[in-house]
Structures are given as structure tokens and as C-alpha cells.
Amino acid sequence: MRHRIIIDTDIGTDVDDLWTVGMIPGLLDVQLEAITLVYGDTEARARLAVHACAVMGLDVPIHRGCQETLSGKKILWAGYEGEGFADLDTISCSAMHSVDALIYQATLLPKTLNVVAIGPLTNIATAIQRDPSFAINVRHISVMGGEFAAGWPEHNFSSDVIATGIVLKSGIPMTIMPLNQTLRLVLDRSDITAIAESHPIGPLMADQAEKFWRWLTQIVPSATGSSSAAHDPAALLAFVEPTLFEFKPMHVVISDEGQVRGVPNGSSPINVVTDFDVPAVRTRLLNLLGVFSTI
């Protein structure tokens, strides 16, 4: 049985969203129903996704979603989003809003839709608020977000703490792939060079990685300028290949400042990733980003 999924993403800033979408053709047990865009200029983000999918031969609806956060927090926009993509002004996407698409797909075949949420949770929370049956109809959400070790306010969760709180309280079965785990999964320039030679959007991924790494050095003093963590791909792999990961059910709450706290609770619908086989996951990720010559 194939997994029906929607990827809810803020593609265009951190290159790891593009890596995640690039994994899809290699996951033969995944049926991608749609990509929904969230956070900031979702028109531009949607066009990036349309371009990437077209090059890979993926025929999938791309939906523009919520631009502003429920919390009112200012949008983080790097400024290079869209640079390196050809003819973006000529690209069109679905007229259906991301929230409507999420509700529609969850209603279409209840308890079969899985959402891989790799951006701020504004679209998901808005769907929960707009249609109470959404939280009942969704089978599972795999989220990249939160940080459970150092007390840091991780970007996806802290960008919209109101939305995050709504999703955490929704009762939807959920896996959280937190920052303290994803920081262990790193791709560097040698990896990107190899991917560029084997993947249809490999050159684009390499170009976007270099842009992101250059920007990252300006805001994170410890950034190498030649590598970054594969946060979002880890969230997808935790869903499709869970045997590579360890999980613990937790009751999770978020503070007004964006920090999360997890308390072990065997009856909670939320499972937090607490460990994973780093070499195996890294190898699997690289294989998925270079499988096209052998499929």
C-alpha cells in the first residue's frame, strides 16, 4: 500500500526543503497528492516548487497558502529566494488555496492522508480551525520542528507559536523530528557535487545550497559556509522508514517565546524522535538524491 502524502513547505530559503521534494521520485511507496506552500511570499515559493517538479517529471498540484502567521510574527525572508530558477514569472500554479487543498484531500479518503509539515504550521492550524473534521480525517502528520535539548526556539515552531500550539493540541497522530536530532544529519559540498551529477535537479540543488550556505554564515557565526543540516529530509524519512529511528511518546507544549517542553506520556498521540542511525539515514538520503540513473 502506498503512502498518500502532502508536503507542506516553505521551500525557497533553506535548501533542505528542495532536498525533500527531490527525494520523492525515489520513494516508490509514496504517492504525492500535492505540495502546499506556507510562510511569506507563497506565490514565489509555489513557482519554485512547480519548476522543480516539472524538471523531475512530477505531475502534482502546487497550492499557494498562508502568507502571514497567526501569531503576527514578522516573516524571515533571506532575499535570494527564486534566484537561479528559470522563467519563474511565466509559471502558474493551482488556484486552490493550500488550506482548502489540505481539507479536501483529508476528506477525500479519511484516515489515509499523511502530511509532512516542513515549514511553520500556519496552514495546518488554519485547516484545523476552519474544518473541525480535518483533525479527525488526517491519518498522521510528520513535523520538522522544536528543540528538546538546549531550550532553543526552533524556527518552524517559533515562527508561529499560535499555530504550533493549535496543532500540538489537535489530537492528530504526529511524529516530531526535532532540531536537536536533525543537526546530526549534515550534507556538505562534496555530497552536493555528487548529487549535482546524478539528479535531474542536482545542479539546482547545488546552486541553492551555495546561496543558502553563504547567507547562513551571515546570521550563524558557527556556520561552515560549505555544509548544512538536512532537517526536512529527516522528517520525511522518519515517516516512510521508521525502523531507522527511535521514538518516545510525549505530551508537548510550546511557550510564548517558542521553546518546547516534552514530558513522556504513553497515551500521547505525539511521538518525538529521540535517536536515529545517523550513517544509515545519511546513506539512504544520498541514495534517494541520486537514484535516477538506476530506476
Protein backbone atom coordinates (compact mmCIF):
# COMPACT_ATOMS: atom_id res chain seq x y z
CA MET A 1 0.00 0.00 0.00
CA ARG A 2 1.38 3.40 -0.99
CA HIS A 3 1.51 6.28 1.49
CA ARG A 4 -0.64 9.22 0.41
CA ILE A 5 1.20 12.40 1.44
CA ILE A 6 1.08 16.15 1.11
CA ILE A 7 4.28 18.11 1.66
CA ASP A 8 3.54 21.41 3.41
CA THR A 9 6.65 23.51 2.89
CA ASP A 10 8.30 26.94 2.91
CA ILE A 11 10.61 25.94 0.06
CA GLY A 12 13.00 28.57 -1.23
CA THR A 13 15.10 29.68 1.73
CA ASP A 14 16.81 26.70 3.40
CA VAL A 15 17.82 24.27 0.65
CA ASP A 16 16.63 21.28 2.69
CA ASP A 17 13.02 21.77 1.51
CA LEU A 18 14.28 21.31 -2.05
CA TRP A 19 16.21 18.21 -0.98
CA THR A 20 12.99 16.81 0.50
CA VAL A 21 11.00 17.32 -2.70
CA GLY A 22 13.92 15.82 -4.63
CA MET A 23 13.58 12.60 -2.64
CA ILE A 24 10.03 11.89 -3.82
CA PRO A 25 10.69 10.12 -7.15
CA GLY A 26 12.93 7.62 -5.37
CA LEU A 27 10.29 6.73 -2.76
CA LEU A 28 8.26 4.21 -4.72
CA ASP A 29 5.85 3.59 -1.83
CA VAL A 30 4.88 7.27 -1.65
CA GLN A 31 2.05 8.87 -3.61
CA LEU A 32 2.48 12.64 -3.53
CA GLU A 33 -1.01 14.16 -3.67
CA ALA A 34 0.00 17.83 -3.52
CA ILE A 35 2.54 20.35 -2.33
CA THR A 36 1.20 23.20 -0.21
CA LEU A 37 3.18 26.37 0.37
CA VAL A 38 3.29 28.39 3.57
CA TYR A 39 5.02 31.43 5.08
CA GLY A 40 5.86 34.69 3.35
CA ASP A 41 5.63 35.04 -0.42
CA THR A 42 3.86 31.76 -1.10
CA GLU A 43 3.30 32.77 -4.74
CA ALA A 44 7.05 32.79 -5.28
CA ARG A 45 7.51 29.61 -3.25
CA ALA A 46 4.82 27.86 -5.29
CA ARG A 47 6.52 28.79 -8.55
CA LEU A 48 9.80 27.37 -7.26
CA ALA A 49 8.04 24.10 -6.42
CA VAL A 50 6.32 23.97 -9.84
CA HIS A 51 9.66 24.45 -11.59
CA ALA A 52 11.42 21.76 -9.55
CA CYS A 53 8.61 19.26 -10.03
CA ALA A 54 8.41 19.90 -13.76
CA VAL A 55 12.12 19.20 -14.20
CA MET A 56 11.72 15.94 -12.25
CA GLY A 57 8.63 14.95 -14.24
CA LEU A 58 6.34 15.10 -11.21
CA ASP A 59 2.74 15.97 -12.12
CA VAL A 60 1.40 17.20 -8.80
CA PRO A 61 -0.85 20.12 -7.79
CA ILE A 62 1.02 23.04 -6.20
CA HIS A 63 -1.02 25.31 -3.91
CA ARG A 64 -0.29 28.76 -2.50
CA GLY A 65 -1.03 29.04 1.21
CA CYS A 66 -0.98 31.33 4.22
CA GLN A 67 1.48 34.18 3.92
CA GLU A 68 1.14 35.73 7.37
CA THR A 69 1.49 33.88 10.66
CA LEU A 70 -1.38 33.54 13.13
CA SER A 71 0.92 34.96 15.79
CA GLY A 72 1.73 38.06 13.76
CA LYS A 73 5.47 37.43 13.99
CA LYS A 74 7.49 39.06 11.22
CA ILE A 75 8.38 36.82 8.29
CA LEU A 76 12.04 35.86 7.88
CA TRP A 77 12.95 36.42 4.21
CA ALA A 78 16.53 35.94 3.08
CA GLY A 79 16.13 37.85 -0.19
CA TYR A 80 17.64 35.36 -2.62
CA GLU A 81 14.52 33.18 -2.86
CA GLY A 82 13.92 32.43 -6.54
CA GLU A 83 17.38 33.35 -7.78
CA GLY A 84 18.72 30.59 -10.03
CA PHE A 85 15.26 29.40 -11.15
CA ALA A 86 14.48 29.94 -14.83
CA ASP A 87 11.38 31.80 -16.10
CA LEU A 88 9.57 31.98 -12.75
CA ASP A 89 7.36 34.83 -13.99
CA THR A 90 5.80 32.55 -16.60
CA ILE A 91 4.91 29.77 -14.15
CA SER A 92 1.37 29.27 -12.85
CA CYS A 93 0.04 27.06 -10.06
CA SER A 94 -3.28 25.84 -8.72
CA ALA A 95 -5.93 28.43 -7.86
CA MET A 96 -6.99 26.40 -4.82
CA HIS A 97 -5.62 27.69 -1.52
CA SER A 98 -3.35 25.37 0.46
CA VAL A 99 -5.78 25.20 3.39
CA ASP A 100 -8.64 24.20 1.09
CA ALA A 101 -6.41 21.59 -0.56
CA LEU A 102 -5.46 20.09 2.80
CA ILE A 103 -9.10 19.87 3.89
CA TYR A 104 -10.20 18.45 0.53
CA GLN A 105 -7.53 15.74 0.44
CA ALA A 106 -8.19 14.75 4.07
CA THR A 107 -11.93 14.48 3.36
CA LEU A 108 -11.50 12.58 0.09
CA LEU A 109 -10.33 9.34 1.73
CA PRO A 110 -10.47 9.76 5.52
CA LYS A 111 -7.63 8.34 7.59
CA THR A 112 -5.38 7.82 4.56
CA LEU A 113 -3.74 11.24 4.13
CA ASN A 114 -0.38 11.93 5.75
CA VAL A 115 1.07 15.43 5.94
CA VAL A 116 4.81 16.06 6.01
CA ALA A 117 5.00 19.54 7.52
CA ILE A 118 8.43 21.09 7.00
CA GLY A 119 7.66 24.77 7.47
CA PRO A 120 5.78 26.86 10.02
CA LEU A 121 2.45 25.21 10.89
CA THR A 122 0.13 28.05 9.83
CA ASN A 123 -1.60 26.14 7.02
CA ILE A 124 -2.20 23.10 9.22
CA ALA A 125 -3.54 25.13 12.14
CA THR A 126 -5.82 27.13 9.84
CA ALA A 127 -7.23 23.90 8.38
CA ILE A 128 -7.94 22.65 11.92
CA GLN A 129 -9.73 25.89 12.79
CA ARG A 130 -11.70 26.10 9.55
CA ASP A 131 -12.91 22.48 9.49
CA PRO A 132 -13.03 20.53 12.78
CA SER A 133 -13.24 17.26 10.83
CA PHE A 134 -9.76 17.86 9.39
CA ALA A 135 -8.06 16.77 12.62
CA ILE A 136 -10.17 13.60 12.59
CA ASN A 137 -9.67 12.80 8.91
CA VAL A 138 -5.88 13.20 8.74
CA ARG A 139 -4.07 9.94 9.36
CA HIS A 140 -0.71 11.32 10.50
CA ILE A 141 1.50 14.40 10.49
CA SER A 142 5.29 14.21 10.38
CA VAL A 143 6.68 17.54 11.56
CA MET A 144 10.14 19.06 11.46
CA GLY A 145 10.14 21.37 14.43
CA GLY A 146 11.01 22.08 18.04
CA GLU A 147 14.20 21.56 20.02
CA PHE A 148 14.21 19.31 23.09
CA ALA A 149 17.77 19.55 24.43
CA ALA A 150 19.15 23.09 24.72
CA GLY A 151 15.94 25.09 25.06
CA TRP A 152 16.38 26.90 21.74
CA PRO A 153 13.33 28.36 19.94
CA GLU A 154 13.50 26.39 16.68
CA HIS A 155 12.46 28.35 13.56
CA ASN A 156 9.41 26.41 12.32
CA PHE A 157 7.72 26.25 15.72
CA SER A 158 8.72 29.70 16.94
CA SER A 159 7.74 31.43 13.68
CA ASP A 160 4.10 30.87 14.59
CA VAL A 161 3.68 29.77 18.20
CA ILE A 162 -0.11 30.12 18.00
CA ALA A 163 -0.30 27.76 15.03
CA THR A 164 2.12 25.34 16.68
CA GLY A 165 0.02 25.27 19.84
CA ILE A 166 -3.14 24.55 17.86
CA VAL A 167 -1.51 21.62 16.06
CA LEU A 168 0.07 20.18 19.22
CA LYS A 169 -3.34 20.20 20.94
CA SER A 170 -5.25 18.83 17.93
CA GLY A 171 -5.03 15.13 18.82
CA ILE A 172 -3.74 14.27 15.34
CA PRO A 173 -1.27 11.35 15.44
CA MET A 174 2.05 13.04 14.98
CA THR A 175 5.79 12.49 14.73
CA ILE A 176 8.10 15.36 15.65
CA MET A 177 11.60 15.39 14.19
CA PRO A 178 13.34 18.00 16.39
CA LEU A 179 16.29 20.24 15.72
CA ASN A 180 18.49 18.55 18.32
CA GLN A 181 18.30 15.40 16.19
CA THR A 182 18.38 16.89 12.68
CA LEU A 183 21.59 18.79 13.42
CA ARG A 184 23.29 15.38 13.38
CA LEU A 185 22.40 14.81 9.70
CA VAL A 186 24.65 17.03 7.56
CA LEU A 187 25.33 17.30 3.83
CA ASP A 188 28.44 19.11 2.61
CA ARG A 189 29.85 20.40 -0.66
CA SER A 190 31.25 17.01 -1.69
CA ASP A 191 27.78 15.48 -1.26
CA ILE A 192 26.17 18.25 -3.26
CA THR A 193 28.72 17.88 -6.04
CA ALA A 194 27.85 14.19 -6.33
CA ILE A 195 24.11 14.92 -6.28
CA ALA A 196 24.54 17.57 -8.98
CA GLU A 197 25.95 14.91 -11.29
CA SER A 198 23.17 12.34 -10.79
CA HIS A 199 19.84 14.06 -10.08
CA PRO A 200 17.64 15.95 -12.59
CA ILE A 201 17.55 18.97 -10.29
CA GLY A 202 21.01 18.28 -8.91
CA PRO A 203 22.59 21.43 -10.38
CA LEU A 204 19.70 23.48 -8.99
CA MET A 205 20.11 21.90 -5.55
CA ALA A 206 23.83 22.66 -5.63
CA ASP A 207 23.20 26.27 -6.63
CA GLN A 208 20.58 26.74 -3.92
CA ALA A 209 22.83 25.11 -1.32
CA GLU A 210 25.62 27.57 -2.07
CA LYS A 211 23.22 30.52 -1.81
CA PHE A 212 21.82 29.26 1.48
CA TRP A 213 25.24 28.49 2.95
CA ARG A 214 26.52 31.95 2.04
CA TRP A 215 23.51 33.58 3.69
CA LEU A 216 23.75 31.30 6.73
CA THR A 217 27.28 32.47 7.51
CA GLN A 218 25.91 35.99 7.91
CA ILE A 219 23.44 35.03 10.65
CA VAL A 220 25.03 31.98 12.32
CA PRO A 221 28.66 32.57 13.37
CA SER A 222 29.38 28.85 13.62
CA ALA A 223 28.16 28.07 10.08
CA THR A 224 30.85 26.50 7.90
CA GLY A 225 29.75 28.03 4.60
CA SER A 226 30.09 24.64 2.97
CA SER A 227 27.53 22.40 4.72
CA SER A 228 24.18 22.39 6.49
CA ALA A 229 21.79 20.04 8.22
CA ALA A 230 19.17 18.05 6.30
CA HIS A 231 16.39 18.93 8.75
CA ASP A 232 13.40 18.39 6.47
CA PRO A 233 14.53 15.20 4.72
CA ALA A 234 14.87 13.64 8.18
CA ALA A 235 11.20 14.37 8.88
CA LEU A 236 10.16 12.61 5.66
CA LEU A 237 12.40 9.62 6.33
CA ALA A 238 11.14 9.29 9.90
CA PHE A 239 7.70 8.73 8.42
CA VAL A 240 8.48 6.45 5.48
CA GLU A 241 11.34 4.46 7.07
CA PRO A 242 10.65 4.49 10.84
CA THR A 243 12.84 1.46 11.61
CA LEU A 244 15.88 3.75 11.30
CA PHE A 245 14.62 5.94 14.14
CA GLU A 246 13.76 5.74 17.84
CA PHE A 247 10.65 7.46 19.19
CA LYS A 248 9.16 8.33 22.55
CA PRO A 249 5.52 9.34 23.10
CA MET A 250 5.38 12.74 24.79
CA HIS A 251 2.99 15.44 25.83
CA VAL A 252 4.46 18.52 24.14
CA VAL A 253 3.79 22.19 24.94
CA ILE A 254 5.23 25.38 23.49
CA SER A 255 5.99 28.63 25.33
CA ASP A 256 5.12 32.11 24.08
CA GLU A 257 8.78 32.52 23.14
CA GLY A 258 8.82 29.32 21.04
CA GLN A 259 10.62 26.86 23.33
CA VAL A 260 9.08 23.41 23.60
CA ARG A 261 8.94 21.01 26.51
CA GLY A 262 8.19 17.31 26.23
CA VAL A 263 7.02 15.09 29.06
CA PRO A 264 6.97 11.31 28.44
CA ASN A 265 3.37 10.14 28.20
CA GLY A 266 2.49 6.71 26.86
CA SER A 267 -1.01 7.77 25.86
CA SER A 268 0.06 10.84 23.86
CA PRO A 269 -0.60 10.86 20.08
CA ILE A 270 2.73 12.66 19.64
CA ASN A 271 5.92 10.68 19.12
CA VAL A 272 9.20 12.59 19.34
CA VAL A 273 12.33 11.26 17.61
CA THR A 274 14.91 10.66 20.33
CA ASP A 275 17.66 8.96 18.31
CA PHE A 276 18.44 7.55 14.88
CA ASP A 277 21.03 5.61 12.94
CA VAL A 278 22.93 8.57 11.51
CA PRO A 279 25.13 6.67 8.98
CA ALA A 280 22.17 4.65 7.69
CA VAL A 281 19.88 7.65 7.37
CA ARG A 282 22.59 9.71 5.69
CA THR A 283 23.31 6.92 3.21
CA ARG A 284 19.61 6.48 2.47
CA LEU A 285 19.19 10.21 1.88
CA LEU A 286 22.12 10.35 -0.51
CA ASN A 287 20.84 7.29 -2.37
CA LEU A 288 17.42 8.91 -2.78
CA LEU A 289 19.02 12.03 -4.18
CA GLY A 290 20.95 10.01 -6.75
CA VAL A 291 18.68 7.12 -7.73
CA PHE A 292 17.52 8.37 -11.11
CA SER A 293 20.22 6.67 -13.13
CA THR A 294 19.13 3.26 -11.84
CA ILE A 295 15.33 3.47 -11.71
